[in-house]
Amino acid sequence: MSVNSADTAAGLEVVLVKAGRTKIRYPAELLQDDGTRIAVRAPWAGSGVRDFGFVRFEPGDVFTEYYWRDRWYSVKEVRAADGTVKGWYCDITRPAVRDDGELVVEDLDLDLWRSADGTDVRRLDEDEFAESGLAERDPEAASAAVAALGELETLARTGGFAELLS
């Protein structure tokens, strides 16, 4: 679906589903929907501070999030309250679905982090992915997820995020 100028300022509810259950739901401002890629902006939706050791998400952080209807991932640019880019947090997901004011994505457990300066690129939660049983339940989805993580890691290490997100 293409968004016309009247729809651009609309709000959406982002719904992250994991293992068939809603993990988190939060309001976001729709920035763009070109029919394939959807961009939204939202403040940090967690309560308090979440310290991963390599980055902290905290009140005041702003996420500009990119979702695709034809790709198995989402990319979230994370900025501190002062506008400084902290980095990009990427979720491996099934392709996004936008319907009736909701943007629904299914989290497949694999994640990737790329720091703002590009020196820290790390795969996350591969153990959770292995334990999820997706490879046995849905081998095609598991294969697509692993391929998506590889694609994102290559983009993160070669400076391809700028082109992906522009």
C-alpha atoms as a PDB file:
ATOM      1  CA  MET A   1       0.000   0.000   0.000  1.00  0.00           C
ATOM      2  CA  SER A   2       1.323   3.408  -0.876  1.00  0.00           C
ATOM      3  CA  VAL A   3       0.961   6.211   1.591  1.00  0.00           C
ATOM      4  CA  ASN A   4      -0.285   9.556   0.393  1.00  0.00           C
ATOM      5  CA  SER A   5       0.663  12.816   2.077  1.00  0.00           C
ATOM      6  CA  ALA A   6      -2.432  12.781   4.295  1.00  0.00           C
ATOM      7  CA  ASP A   7      -1.418   9.362   5.683  1.00  0.00           C
ATOM      8  CA  THR A   8       2.218  10.256   6.353  1.00  0.00           C
ATOM      9  CA  ALA A   9       1.570  11.851   9.746  1.00  0.00           C
ATOM     10  CA  ALA A  10      -0.631   8.960  10.837  1.00  0.00           C
ATOM     11  CA  GLY A  11       0.146   6.866  13.835  1.00  0.00           C
ATOM     12  CA  LEU A  12       0.587   3.135  13.886  1.00  0.00           C
ATOM     13  CA  GLU A  13       0.709   0.563  16.616  1.00  0.00           C
ATOM     14  CA  VAL A  14       3.837  -1.584  16.231  1.00  0.00           C
ATOM     15  CA  VAL A  15       3.140  -5.125  17.422  1.00  0.00           C
ATOM     16  CA  LEU A  16       6.060  -7.481  17.968  1.00  0.00           C
ATOM     17  CA  VAL A  17       4.952 -11.105  18.183  1.00  0.00           C
ATOM     18  CA  LYS A  18       7.196 -13.889  19.459  1.00  0.00           C
ATOM     19  CA  ALA A  19       6.265 -17.576  19.628  1.00  0.00           C
ATOM     20  CA  GLY A  20       2.639 -16.731  18.843  1.00  0.00           C
ATOM     21  CA  ARG A  21       2.246 -14.165  21.643  1.00  0.00           C
ATOM     22  CA  THR A  22       2.474 -10.386  21.664  1.00  0.00           C
ATOM     23  CA  LYS A  23       5.853  -9.493  23.160  1.00  0.00           C
ATOM     24  CA  ILE A  24       5.415  -5.712  23.012  1.00  0.00           C
ATOM     25  CA  ARG A  25       3.045  -3.170  21.489  1.00  0.00           C
ATOM     26  CA  TYR A  26       3.793   0.536  21.189  1.00  0.00           C
ATOM     27  CA  PRO A  27       2.644   3.623  19.286  1.00  0.00           C
ATOM     28  CA  ALA A  28       4.798   4.973  16.474  1.00  0.00           C
ATOM     29  CA  GLU A  29       4.639   7.798  13.964  1.00  0.00           C
ATOM     30  CA  LEU A  30       4.420   6.639  10.363  1.00  0.00           C
ATOM     31  CA  LEU A  31       7.186   8.327   8.356  1.00  0.00           C
ATOM     32  CA  GLN A  32       6.878   6.470   5.054  1.00  0.00           C
ATOM     33  CA  ASP A  33       5.238   3.490   3.407  1.00  0.00           C
ATOM     34  CA  ASP A  34       6.229   2.990  -0.217  1.00  0.00           C
ATOM     35  CA  GLY A  35       4.433  -0.327  -0.541  1.00  0.00           C
ATOM     36  CA  THR A  36       7.549  -2.367   0.259  1.00  0.00           C
ATOM     37  CA  ARG A  37       9.367  -0.565   3.060  1.00  0.00           C
ATOM     38  CA  ILE A  38       7.673   1.029   6.054  1.00  0.00           C
ATOM     39  CA  ALA A  39       9.488   3.578   8.239  1.00  0.00           C
ATOM     40  CA  VAL A  40       8.243   4.654  11.662  1.00  0.00           C
ATOM     41  CA  ARG A  41       9.626   6.659  14.573  1.00  0.00           C
ATOM     42  CA  ALA A  42       8.988   5.921  18.225  1.00  0.00           C
ATOM     43  CA  PRO A  43      10.500   6.701  21.598  1.00  0.00           C
ATOM     44  CA  TRP A  44      12.120   3.863  23.560  1.00  0.00           C
ATOM     45  CA  ALA A  45       9.126   1.717  24.508  1.00  0.00           C
ATOM     46  CA  GLY A  46      10.716  -0.139  27.390  1.00  0.00           C
ATOM     47  CA  SER A  47      10.332   0.772  31.004  1.00  0.00           C
ATOM     48  CA  GLY A  48      13.504   2.237  32.430  1.00  0.00           C
ATOM     49  CA  VAL A  49      16.980   1.399  31.188  1.00  0.00           C
ATOM     50  CA  ARG A  50      17.967  -1.788  29.345  1.00  0.00           C
ATOM     51  CA  ASP A  51      21.722  -2.276  29.477  1.00  0.00           C
ATOM     52  CA  PHE A  52      23.013  -4.887  27.031  1.00  0.00           C
ATOM     53  CA  GLY A  53      26.639  -4.255  27.970  1.00  0.00           C
ATOM     54  CA  PHE A  54      27.475  -2.939  24.503  1.00  0.00           C
ATOM     55  CA  VAL A  55      24.631  -0.362  24.394  1.00  0.00           C
ATOM     56  CA  ARG A  56      22.039   1.079  26.758  1.00  0.00           C
ATOM     57  CA  PHE A  57      18.478   1.799  25.701  1.00  0.00           C
ATOM     58  CA  GLU A  58      16.968   4.390  27.992  1.00  0.00           C
ATOM     59  CA  PRO A  59      14.156   6.915  28.328  1.00  0.00           C
ATOM     60  CA  GLY A  60      14.653   9.712  25.794  1.00  0.00           C
ATOM     61  CA  ASP A  61      16.117   7.410  23.123  1.00  0.00           C
ATOM     62  CA  VAL A  62      14.383   7.616  19.755  1.00  0.00           C
ATOM     63  CA  PHE A  63      14.119   4.695  17.352  1.00  0.00           C
ATOM     64  CA  THR A  64      13.655   5.169  13.617  1.00  0.00           C
ATOM     65  CA  GLU A  65      12.526   1.739  12.513  1.00  0.00           C
ATOM     66  CA  TYR A  66      12.526   0.237   9.029  1.00  0.00           C
ATOM     67  CA  TYR A  67      10.377  -2.767   8.130  1.00  0.00           C
ATOM     68  CA  TRP A  68       9.973  -4.579   4.838  1.00  0.00           C
ATOM     69  CA  ARG A  69       7.105  -6.569   3.390  1.00  0.00           C
ATOM     70  CA  ASP A  70       9.556  -8.643   1.334  1.00  0.00           C
ATOM     71  CA  ARG A  71      12.530  -9.090   3.677  1.00  0.00           C
ATOM     72  CA  TRP A  72      13.076 -11.166   6.779  1.00  0.00           C
ATOM     73  CA  TYR A  73      14.389  -8.388   9.028  1.00  0.00           C
ATOM     74  CA  SER A  74      13.842  -4.944  10.482  1.00  0.00           C
ATOM     75  CA  VAL A  75      16.483  -2.310  11.214  1.00  0.00           C
ATOM     76  CA  LYS A  76      16.155   0.188  14.036  1.00  0.00           C
ATOM     77  CA  GLU A  77      18.379   3.250  14.167  1.00  0.00           C
ATOM     78  CA  VAL A  78      18.832   4.183  17.825  1.00  0.00           C
ATOM     79  CA  ARG A  79      19.513   7.794  18.810  1.00  0.00           C
ATOM     80  CA  ALA A  80      20.112   9.218  22.257  1.00  0.00           C
ATOM     81  CA  ALA A  81      17.924  12.075  23.487  1.00  0.00           C
ATOM     82  CA  ASP A  82      20.559  14.557  22.237  1.00  0.00           C
ATOM     83  CA  GLY A  83      20.331  13.129  18.696  1.00  0.00           C
ATOM     84  CA  THR A  84      23.614  11.209  18.794  1.00  0.00           C
ATOM     85  CA  VAL A  85      23.404   7.910  16.906  1.00  0.00           C
ATOM     86  CA  LYS A  86      24.100   4.970  19.216  1.00  0.00           C
ATOM     87  CA  GLY A  87      23.836   2.365  16.477  1.00  0.00           C
ATOM     88  CA  TRP A  88      21.457   0.010  14.716  1.00  0.00           C
ATOM     89  CA  TYR A  89      19.604  -2.866  16.332  1.00  0.00           C
ATOM     90  CA  CYS A  90      18.329  -5.395  13.812  1.00  0.00           C
ATOM     91  CA  ASP A  91      15.673  -8.023  14.396  1.00  0.00           C
ATOM     92  CA  ILE A  92      15.309 -11.068  12.197  1.00  0.00           C
ATOM     93  CA  THR A  93      11.563 -11.302  11.571  1.00  0.00           C
ATOM     94  CA  ARG A  94       9.063 -12.594   9.105  1.00  0.00           C
ATOM     95  CA  PRO A  95       8.110  -9.901   6.561  1.00  0.00           C
ATOM     96  CA  ALA A  96       6.036  -7.108   8.102  1.00  0.00           C
ATOM     97  CA  VAL A  97       2.277  -6.852   7.734  1.00  0.00           C
ATOM     98  CA  ARG A  98       0.468  -3.506   7.967  1.00  0.00           C
ATOM     99  CA  ASP A  99      -3.272  -3.683   8.519  1.00  0.00           C
ATOM    100  CA  ASP A 100      -5.899  -1.554  10.266  1.00  0.00           C
ATOM    101  CA  GLY A 101      -3.468   0.806  11.986  1.00  0.00           C
ATOM    102  CA  GLU A 102      -1.126  -1.965  13.123  1.00  0.00           C
ATOM    103  CA  LEU A 103       2.296  -2.974  11.908  1.00  0.00           C
ATOM    104  CA  VAL A 104       2.790  -6.596  12.925  1.00  0.00           C
ATOM    105  CA  VAL A 105       6.133  -8.387  12.851  1.00  0.00           C
ATOM    106  CA  GLU A 106       7.028 -11.844  14.116  1.00  0.00           C
ATOM    107  CA  ASP A 107      10.374 -11.972  15.920  1.00  0.00           C
ATOM    108  CA  LEU A 108      12.435 -15.057  15.014  1.00  0.00           C
ATOM    109  CA  ASP A 109      14.929 -14.637  17.895  1.00  0.00           C
ATOM    110  CA  LEU A 110      18.055 -13.763  15.879  1.00  0.00           C
ATOM    111  CA  ASP A 111      19.372 -10.196  16.216  1.00  0.00           C
ATOM    112  CA  LEU A 112      22.318  -8.101  15.080  1.00  0.00           C
ATOM    113  CA  TRP A 113      23.883  -4.972  16.561  1.00  0.00           C
ATOM    114  CA  ARG A 114      26.038  -2.450  14.670  1.00  0.00           C
ATOM    115  CA  SER A 115      27.579   0.409  16.632  1.00  0.00           C
ATOM    116  CA  ALA A 116      27.451   3.950  15.245  1.00  0.00           C
ATOM    117  CA  ASP A 117      31.135   3.861  14.284  1.00  0.00           C
ATOM    118  CA  GLY A 118      30.846   0.394  12.731  1.00  0.00           C
ATOM    119  CA  THR A 119      33.574  -1.144  14.873  1.00  0.00           C
ATOM    120  CA  ASP A 120      31.185  -3.385  16.817  1.00  0.00           C
ATOM    121  CA  VAL A 121      29.069  -5.738  14.722  1.00  0.00           C
ATOM    122  CA  ARG A 122      27.720  -8.679  16.674  1.00  0.00           C
ATOM    123  CA  ARG A 123      25.225 -11.482  16.216  1.00  0.00           C
ATOM    124  CA  LEU A 124      22.847 -11.896  19.137  1.00  0.00           C
ATOM    125  CA  ASP A 125      20.561 -14.601  20.491  1.00  0.00           C
ATOM    126  CA  GLU A 126      21.735 -17.453  18.259  1.00  0.00           C
ATOM    127  CA  ASP A 127      21.220 -19.761  21.264  1.00  0.00           C
ATOM    128  CA  GLU A 128      17.576 -18.638  21.589  1.00  0.00           C
ATOM    129  CA  PHE A 129      17.069 -19.267  17.880  1.00  0.00           C
ATOM    130  CA  ALA A 130      18.478 -22.786  18.162  1.00  0.00           C
ATOM    131  CA  GLU A 131      16.275 -23.500  21.201  1.00  0.00           C
ATOM    132  CA  SER A 132      13.146 -22.090  19.544  1.00  0.00           C
ATOM    133  CA  GLY A 133      12.645 -25.212  17.444  1.00  0.00           C
ATOM    134  CA  LEU A 134      11.932 -23.167  14.313  1.00  0.00           C
ATOM    135  CA  ALA A 135      14.323 -25.289  12.238  1.00  0.00           C
ATOM    136  CA  GLU A 136      12.193 -28.351  12.993  1.00  0.00           C
ATOM    137  CA  ARG A 137       8.758 -26.664  12.826  1.00  0.00           C
ATOM    138  CA  ASP A 138       9.371 -24.497   9.776  1.00  0.00           C
ATOM    139  CA  PRO A 139      12.678 -25.270   8.021  1.00  0.00           C
ATOM    140  CA  GLU A 140      11.995 -22.772   5.216  1.00  0.00           C
ATOM    141  CA  ALA A 141      11.480 -19.923   7.690  1.00  0.00           C
ATOM    142  CA  ALA A 142      14.577 -20.950   9.644  1.00  0.00           C
ATOM    143  CA  SER A 143      16.634 -20.956   6.459  1.00  0.00           C
ATOM    144  CA  ALA A 144      15.275 -17.512   5.487  1.00  0.00           C
ATOM    145  CA  ALA A 145      16.106 -16.206   8.979  1.00  0.00           C
ATOM    146  CA  VAL A 146      19.708 -17.451   8.858  1.00  0.00           C
ATOM    147  CA  ALA A 147      20.141 -16.000   5.354  1.00  0.00           C
ATOM    148  CA  ALA A 148      18.703 -12.647   6.509  1.00  0.00           C
ATOM    149  CA  LEU A 149      21.147 -12.514   9.424  1.00  0.00           C
ATOM    150  CA  GLY A 150      24.034 -13.169   7.031  1.00  0.00           C
ATOM    151  CA  GLU A 151      22.806 -10.455   4.662  1.00  0.00           C
ATOM    152  CA  LEU A 152      22.507  -7.916   7.474  1.00  0.00           C
ATOM    153  CA  GLU A 153      25.925  -8.777   8.866  1.00  0.00           C
ATOM    154  CA  THR A 154      27.495  -8.262   5.441  1.00  0.00           C
ATOM    155  CA  LEU A 155      25.734  -4.903   5.068  1.00  0.00           C
ATOM    156  CA  ALA A 156      26.807  -3.885   8.587  1.00  0.00           C
ATOM    157  CA  ARG A 157      30.457  -4.773   7.981  1.00  0.00           C
ATOM    158  CA  THR A 158      30.692  -3.192   4.522  1.00  0.00           C
ATOM    159  CA  GLY A 159      28.904   0.098   5.163  1.00  0.00           C
ATOM    160  CA  GLY A 160      25.750  -0.977   3.308  1.00  0.00           C
ATOM    161  CA  PHE A 161      23.299   0.344   5.889  1.00  0.00           C
ATOM    162  CA  ALA A 162      23.357   3.857   4.419  1.00  0.00           C
ATOM    163  CA  GLU A 163      22.073   2.595   1.073  1.00  0.00           C
ATOM    164  CA  LEU A 164      19.617   0.155   2.687  1.00  0.00           C
ATOM    165  CA  LEU A 165      18.027   2.898   4.792  1.00  0.00           C
ATOM    166  CA  SER A 166      18.101   5.809   2.345  1.00  0.00           C
END
